[in-house]
C-alpha atoms as a PDB file:
ATOM      1  CA  MET A   1       0.000   0.000   0.000  1.00  0.00           C
ATOM      2  CA  ALA A   2       2.777   2.472   0.882  1.00  0.00           C
ATOM      3  CA  LYS A   3       4.504   1.802  -2.434  1.00  0.00           C
ATOM      4  CA  LYS A   4       1.323   2.642  -4.393  1.00  0.00           C
ATOM      5  CA  LYS A   5       0.892   5.841  -2.374  1.00  0.00           C
ATOM      6  CA  GLN A   6       4.478   6.787  -3.094  1.00  0.00           C
ATOM      7  CA  GLN A   7       3.995   6.065  -6.803  1.00  0.00           C
ATOM      8  CA  PHE A   8       0.835   8.178  -6.832  1.00  0.00           C
ATOM      9  CA  GLU A   9       2.531  11.042  -5.002  1.00  0.00           C
ATOM     10  CA  THR A  10       5.523  10.897  -7.361  1.00  0.00           C
ATOM     11  CA  ALA A  11       3.315  10.836 -10.445  1.00  0.00           C
ATOM     12  CA  LEU A  12       1.228  13.735  -9.154  1.00  0.00           C
ATOM     13  CA  ARG A  13       4.344  15.784  -8.379  1.00  0.00           C
ATOM     14  CA  GLN A  14       5.728  15.063 -11.876  1.00  0.00           C
ATOM     15  CA  LEU A  15       2.411  16.058 -13.414  1.00  0.00           C
ATOM     16  CA  GLU A  16       2.430  19.353 -11.511  1.00  0.00           C
ATOM     17  CA  GLU A  17       6.001  20.039 -12.648  1.00  0.00           C
ATOM     18  CA  ILE A  18       5.116  19.312 -16.275  1.00  0.00           C
ATOM     19  CA  VAL A  19       2.112  21.630 -16.139  1.00  0.00           C
ATOM     20  CA  ALA A  20       4.180  24.421 -14.598  1.00  0.00           C
ATOM     21  CA  HIS A  21       6.892  23.974 -17.226  1.00  0.00           C
ATOM     22  CA  MET A  22       4.353  24.002 -20.053  1.00  0.00           C
ATOM     23  CA  GLU A  23       2.618  27.079 -18.644  1.00  0.00           C
ATOM     24  CA  SER A  24       5.921  28.957 -18.616  1.00  0.00           C
ATOM     25  CA  GLY A  25       5.600  29.336 -22.388  1.00  0.00           C
ATOM     26  CA  GLU A  26       9.318  28.700 -22.886  1.00  0.00           C
ATOM     27  CA  LEU A  27       9.065  25.289 -24.576  1.00  0.00           C
ATOM     28  CA  PRO A  28       9.350  24.745 -28.307  1.00  0.00           C
ATOM     29  CA  LEU A  29       6.276  23.097 -29.811  1.00  0.00           C
ATOM     30  CA  ASP A  30       7.837  19.636 -30.229  1.00  0.00           C
ATOM     31  CA  GLU A  31       8.933  19.540 -26.571  1.00  0.00           C
ATOM     32  CA  CYS A  32       5.546  20.827 -25.484  1.00  0.00           C
ATOM     33  CA  VAL A  33       3.863  17.938 -27.320  1.00  0.00           C
ATOM     34  CA  GLU A  34       6.216  15.443 -25.629  1.00  0.00           C
ATOM     35  CA  TYR A  35       5.453  16.952 -22.217  1.00  0.00           C
ATOM     36  CA  TYR A  36       1.736  16.820 -22.993  1.00  0.00           C
ATOM     37  CA  GLU A  37       1.901  13.133 -23.908  1.00  0.00           C
ATOM     38  CA  ARG A  38       3.746  12.348 -20.668  1.00  0.00           C
ATOM     39  CA  ALA A  39       1.238  14.420 -18.687  1.00  0.00           C
ATOM     40  CA  VAL A  40      -1.683  12.481 -20.172  1.00  0.00           C
ATOM     41  CA  LYS A  41      -0.100   9.164 -19.127  1.00  0.00           C
ATOM     42  CA  LEU A  42       0.565  10.463 -15.613  1.00  0.00           C
ATOM     43  CA  ALA A  43      -2.972  11.816 -15.317  1.00  0.00           C
ATOM     44  CA  GLU A  44      -4.415   8.467 -16.405  1.00  0.00           C
ATOM     45  CA  MET A  45      -2.311   6.648 -13.813  1.00  0.00           C
ATOM     46  CA  CYS A  46      -3.374   9.056 -11.065  1.00  0.00           C
ATOM     47  CA  THR A  47      -7.023   8.720 -12.070  1.00  0.00           C
ATOM     48  CA  LYS A  48      -6.829   4.917 -11.898  1.00  0.00           C
ATOM     49  CA  GLU A  49      -5.277   5.063  -8.431  1.00  0.00           C
ATOM     50  CA  LEU A  50      -7.906   7.521  -7.201  1.00  0.00           C
ATOM     51  CA  GLU A  51     -10.697   5.332  -8.575  1.00  0.00           C
ATOM     52  CA  ALA A  52      -9.215   2.279  -6.858  1.00  0.00           C
ATOM     53  CA  ALA A  53      -9.053   4.197  -3.584  1.00  0.00           C
ATOM     54  CA  ARG A  54     -12.630   5.396  -3.992  1.00  0.00           C
ATOM     55  CA  ARG A  55     -13.838   1.832  -4.483  1.00  0.00           C
ATOM     56  CA  ARG A  56     -12.137   0.782  -1.242  1.00  0.00           C
ATOM     57  CA  ILE A  57     -13.879   3.421   0.830  1.00  0.00           C
ATOM     58  CA  GLU A  58     -16.922   2.179   2.682  1.00  0.00           C
ATOM     59  CA  GLN A  59     -19.713   4.116   4.235  1.00  0.00           C
ATOM     60  CA  VAL A  60     -21.192   3.229   7.593  1.00  0.00           C
ATOM     61  CA  ARG A  61     -24.954   3.365   7.960  1.00  0.00           C
ATOM     62  CA  LEU A  62     -27.810   1.952  10.006  1.00  0.00           C
ATOM     63  CA  ASN A  63     -29.929  -0.705   8.322  1.00  0.00           C
ATOM     64  CA  GLU A  64     -33.694  -1.047   8.747  1.00  0.00           C
ATOM     65  CA  LYS A  65     -33.152  -3.045  11.993  1.00  0.00           C
ATOM     66  CA  GLY A  66     -31.015  -0.252  13.466  1.00  0.00           C
ATOM     67  CA  GLU A  67     -27.801  -2.272  13.085  1.00  0.00           C
ATOM     68  CA  VAL A  68     -24.570  -0.671  11.968  1.00  0.00           C
ATOM     69  CA  VAL A  69     -23.503  -1.973   8.557  1.00  0.00           C
ATOM     70  CA  THR A  70     -20.879  -0.992   6.017  1.00  0.00           C
ATOM     71  CA  GLU A  71     -21.268  -0.917   2.272  1.00  0.00           C
ATOM     72  CA  PRO A  72     -19.300   0.472  -0.653  1.00  0.00           C
ATOM     73  CA  LEU A  73     -19.460   4.241  -0.970  1.00  0.00           C
ATOM     74  CA  LYS A  74     -22.018   5.220  -3.587  1.00  0.00           C
ATOM     75  CA  VAL A  75     -21.083   8.450  -5.313  1.00  0.00           C
ATOM     76  CA  ALA A  76     -22.321   9.472  -8.729  1.00  0.00           C
ATOM     77  CA  ASP A  77     -19.552  10.167 -11.234  1.00  0.00           C
ATOM     78  CA  ASP A  78     -20.945  13.640 -11.906  1.00  0.00           C
ATOM     79  CA  GLU A  79     -20.526  14.479  -8.192  1.00  0.00           C
ATOM     80  CA  LEU A  80     -16.817  13.615  -8.437  1.00  0.00           C
ATOM     81  CA  VAL A  81     -16.418  15.846 -11.460  1.00  0.00           C
ATOM     82  CA  ALA A  82     -18.346  18.660  -9.837  1.00  0.00           C
ATOM     83  CA  GLU A  83     -15.973  18.756  -6.862  1.00  0.00           C
ATOM     84  CA  GLY A  84     -12.985  19.534  -9.071  1.00  0.00           C
ATOM     85  CA  ALA A  85     -14.856  21.781 -11.486  1.00  0.00           C
ATOM     86  CA  ASP A  86     -14.110  24.956  -9.528  1.00  0.00           C
ATOM     87  CA  ASP A  87     -10.391  24.275  -9.773  1.00  0.00           C
ATOM     88  CA  THR A  88     -10.086  24.803 -13.538  1.00  0.00           C
ATOM     89  CA  ARG A  89      -7.864  27.443 -15.010  1.00  0.00           C
ATOM     90  CA  ALA A  90      -9.129  29.891 -17.607  1.00  0.00           C
END
């Protein structure tokens, strides 16, 4: 588990560095395309790890008998997108 977290953290840090470098406007087009391709791969990896983590999360609730039970967290995909929607750059 710690290794996956470290891989996720490393990938996320690399993705942030790539974005910052691309936003600097100092890259030639061919390098910018290479950075973009790498960023897409990193973003896909991070998304897969986040989805796996989301599936592992359970919610605790009371059933109809008043007993405490756990079940997989049920979140609509559009709710996940909506949380990050305010963090877009114009």
